[in-house]
Amino acid sequence: MKRVHVAQAVGAVALVVTAAVVAAKAGSGGGGSNYPGNCQYDWQTAADGSRCGARSAESRPGGY
């Protein structure tokens, strides 16, 4: 029975850590710069709701 509780605790900690990382990325814009658009980084979301991916500034020469 205790193994189940340990597994649940480990899972809960993992979820909290993941949520904190995602919130930090979303809140900071990934670096605190004043990038004018939605797609500075690959992992961000474009205005249409899709992932930026290869359309992001970091994927382009010069960054824009």
N, C-alpha and C. Protein backbone atom coordinates (compact mmCIF):
# COMPACT_ATOMS: atom_id res chain seq x y z
N MET A 1 0.81 -1.19 0.00
CA MET A 1 0.00 0.00 0.00
C MET A 1 0.86 1.26 0.00
N LYS A 2 1.98 1.26 0.70
CA LYS A 2 2.82 2.45 0.77
C LYS A 2 3.47 2.76 -0.58
N ARG A 3 3.71 1.75 -1.38
CA ARG A 3 4.31 1.98 -2.70
C ARG A 3 3.39 2.82 -3.57
N VAL A 4 2.11 2.60 -3.44
CA VAL A 4 1.14 3.38 -4.22
C VAL A 4 1.22 4.85 -3.81
N HIS A 5 1.30 5.13 -2.53
CA HIS A 5 1.38 6.51 -2.06
C HIS A 5 2.67 7.18 -2.51
N VAL A 6 3.77 6.44 -2.50
CA VAL A 6 5.05 7.00 -2.95
C VAL A 6 4.97 7.32 -4.44
N ALA A 7 4.40 6.41 -5.21
CA ALA A 7 4.26 6.64 -6.65
C ALA A 7 3.38 7.85 -6.93
N GLN A 8 2.31 8.01 -6.16
CA GLN A 8 1.43 9.16 -6.34
C GLN A 8 2.15 10.45 -5.97
N ALA A 9 2.94 10.42 -4.92
CA ALA A 9 3.69 11.61 -4.50
C ALA A 9 4.72 12.00 -5.55
N VAL A 10 5.42 11.02 -6.08
CA VAL A 10 6.43 11.30 -7.11
C VAL A 10 5.75 11.87 -8.36
N GLY A 11 4.62 11.31 -8.73
CA GLY A 11 3.87 11.83 -9.88
C GLY A 11 3.40 13.25 -9.66
N ALA A 12 2.94 13.55 -8.46
CA ALA A 12 2.47 14.90 -8.15
C ALA A 12 3.61 15.91 -8.20
N VAL A 13 4.77 15.53 -7.69
CA VAL A 13 5.93 16.42 -7.73
C VAL A 13 6.34 16.67 -9.18
N ALA A 14 6.34 15.64 -9.99
CA ALA A 14 6.70 15.79 -11.40
C ALA A 14 5.74 16.75 -12.11
N LEU A 15 4.46 16.65 -11.81
CA LEU A 15 3.48 17.55 -12.42
C LEU A 15 3.70 18.99 -11.99
N VAL A 16 3.99 19.21 -10.74
CA VAL A 16 4.22 20.56 -10.24
C VAL A 16 5.46 21.18 -10.89
N VAL A 17 6.52 20.40 -11.00
CA VAL A 17 7.75 20.89 -11.62
C VAL A 17 7.50 21.22 -13.08
N THR A 18 6.81 20.34 -13.79
CA THR A 18 6.50 20.58 -15.20
C THR A 18 5.65 21.83 -15.37
N ALA A 19 4.66 22.00 -14.52
CA ALA A 19 3.81 23.19 -14.60
C ALA A 19 4.60 24.46 -14.33
N ALA A 20 5.53 24.40 -13.40
CA ALA A 20 6.35 25.58 -13.10
C ALA A 20 7.24 25.95 -14.28
N VAL A 21 7.80 24.96 -14.95
CA VAL A 21 8.66 25.22 -16.10
C VAL A 21 7.84 25.82 -17.24
N VAL A 22 6.68 25.25 -17.51
CA VAL A 22 5.82 25.76 -18.58
C VAL A 22 5.38 27.20 -18.27
N ALA A 23 5.01 27.46 -17.04
CA ALA A 23 4.58 28.81 -16.67
C ALA A 23 5.73 29.81 -16.79
N ALA A 24 6.92 29.39 -16.43
CA ALA A 24 8.08 30.29 -16.53
C ALA A 24 8.37 30.63 -17.98
N LYS A 25 8.28 29.65 -18.85
CA LYS A 25 8.52 29.89 -20.28
C LYS A 25 7.45 30.80 -20.85
N ALA A 26 6.21 30.56 -20.53
CA ALA A 26 5.12 31.36 -21.07
C ALA A 26 5.14 32.78 -20.54
N GLY A 27 5.47 32.94 -19.29
CA GLY A 27 5.45 34.26 -18.68
C GLY A 27 6.62 35.13 -19.06
N SER A 28 7.77 34.54 -19.28
CA SER A 28 8.96 35.35 -19.54
C SER A 28 9.21 35.58 -21.01
N GLY A 29 8.51 34.86 -21.87
CA GLY A 29 8.78 34.99 -23.30
C GLY A 29 10.07 34.30 -23.68
N GLY A 30 10.67 33.59 -22.76
CA GLY A 30 11.85 32.81 -23.05
C GLY A 30 13.15 33.56 -22.90
N GLY A 31 13.14 34.78 -22.46
CA GLY A 31 14.41 35.47 -22.30
C GLY A 31 14.27 36.92 -21.89
N GLY A 32 13.07 37.39 -21.76
CA GLY A 32 12.86 38.73 -21.29
C GLY A 32 13.11 39.81 -22.33
N SER A 33 13.28 39.44 -23.57
CA SER A 33 13.51 40.46 -24.59
C SER A 33 12.19 41.09 -25.02
N ASN A 34 12.28 42.12 -25.81
CA ASN A 34 11.08 42.82 -26.27
C ASN A 34 10.75 42.43 -27.71
N TYR A 35 10.77 41.15 -28.00
CA TYR A 35 10.43 40.67 -29.35
C TYR A 35 9.00 41.08 -29.69
N PRO A 36 8.77 41.69 -30.85
CA PRO A 36 7.46 42.24 -31.17
C PRO A 36 6.40 41.23 -31.61
N GLY A 37 6.78 40.01 -31.95
CA GLY A 37 5.81 39.05 -32.45
C GLY A 37 5.51 37.92 -31.50
N ASN A 38 4.79 36.92 -32.01
CA ASN A 38 4.41 35.76 -31.21
C ASN A 38 5.42 34.62 -31.29
N CYS A 39 6.26 34.60 -32.29
CA CYS A 39 7.10 33.43 -32.56
C CYS A 39 8.59 33.71 -32.42
N GLN A 40 9.02 34.08 -31.24
CA GLN A 40 10.45 34.26 -31.03
C GLN A 40 11.15 32.90 -30.91
N TYR A 41 10.46 31.92 -30.31
CA TYR A 41 11.04 30.59 -30.07
C TYR A 41 10.16 29.50 -30.67
N ASP A 42 10.79 28.38 -31.03
CA ASP A 42 10.09 27.25 -31.66
C ASP A 42 8.90 26.76 -30.84
N TRP A 43 9.04 26.71 -29.51
CA TRP A 43 8.02 26.12 -28.65
C TRP A 43 6.81 27.02 -28.43
N GLN A 44 6.87 28.27 -28.88
CA GLN A 44 5.76 29.20 -28.64
C GLN A 44 4.60 28.94 -29.59
N THR A 45 3.48 29.61 -29.33
CA THR A 45 2.27 29.45 -30.12
C THR A 45 2.04 30.68 -30.99
N ALA A 46 1.74 30.45 -32.26
CA ALA A 46 1.46 31.54 -33.19
C ALA A 46 0.06 32.10 -32.92
N ALA A 47 -0.28 33.21 -33.57
CA ALA A 47 -1.57 33.85 -33.37
C ALA A 47 -2.74 32.94 -33.76
N ASP A 48 -2.51 32.02 -34.70
CA ASP A 48 -3.58 31.11 -35.13
C ASP A 48 -3.70 29.88 -34.23
N GLY A 49 -2.88 29.80 -33.18
CA GLY A 49 -2.96 28.69 -32.24
C GLY A 49 -2.02 27.53 -32.53
N SER A 50 -1.34 27.57 -33.67
CA SER A 50 -0.41 26.49 -34.01
C SER A 50 0.95 26.76 -33.38
N ARG A 51 1.78 25.74 -33.30
CA ARG A 51 3.14 25.90 -32.79
C ARG A 51 3.97 26.65 -33.82
N CYS A 52 4.87 27.50 -33.37
CA CYS A 52 5.69 28.30 -34.27
C CYS A 52 6.68 27.43 -35.05
N GLY A 53 7.36 26.54 -34.35
CA GLY A 53 8.29 25.63 -35.01
C GLY A 53 9.33 26.35 -35.85
N ALA A 54 9.47 25.93 -37.10
CA ALA A 54 10.48 26.48 -38.00
C ALA A 54 10.19 27.91 -38.43
N ARG A 55 9.00 28.43 -38.11
CA ARG A 55 8.66 29.82 -38.44
C ARG A 55 9.20 30.80 -37.41
N SER A 56 9.74 30.29 -36.32
CA SER A 56 10.18 31.17 -35.23
C SER A 56 11.41 31.98 -35.61
N ALA A 57 11.62 33.07 -34.90
CA ALA A 57 12.78 33.92 -35.14
C ALA A 57 14.07 33.19 -34.86
N GLU A 58 14.11 32.34 -33.84
CA GLU A 58 15.34 31.62 -33.53
C GLU A 58 15.73 30.62 -34.62
N SER A 59 14.78 30.27 -35.48
CA SER A 59 15.07 29.35 -36.58
C SER A 59 15.56 30.05 -37.83
N ARG A 60 15.54 31.37 -37.81
CA ARG A 60 15.95 32.14 -38.99
C ARG A 60 17.32 32.79 -38.79
N PRO A 61 18.06 32.91 -39.85
CA PRO A 61 19.35 33.62 -39.75
C PRO A 61 19.12 35.06 -39.29
N GLY A 62 19.84 35.51 -38.31
CA GLY A 62 19.69 36.87 -37.80
C GLY A 62 18.62 36.99 -36.72
N GLY A 63 17.80 35.99 -36.56
CA GLY A 63 16.82 36.00 -35.48
C GLY A 63 15.50 36.69 -35.77
N TYR A 64 15.31 37.26 -36.96
CA TYR A 64 14.02 37.90 -37.29
C TYR A 64 13.58 37.50 -38.65
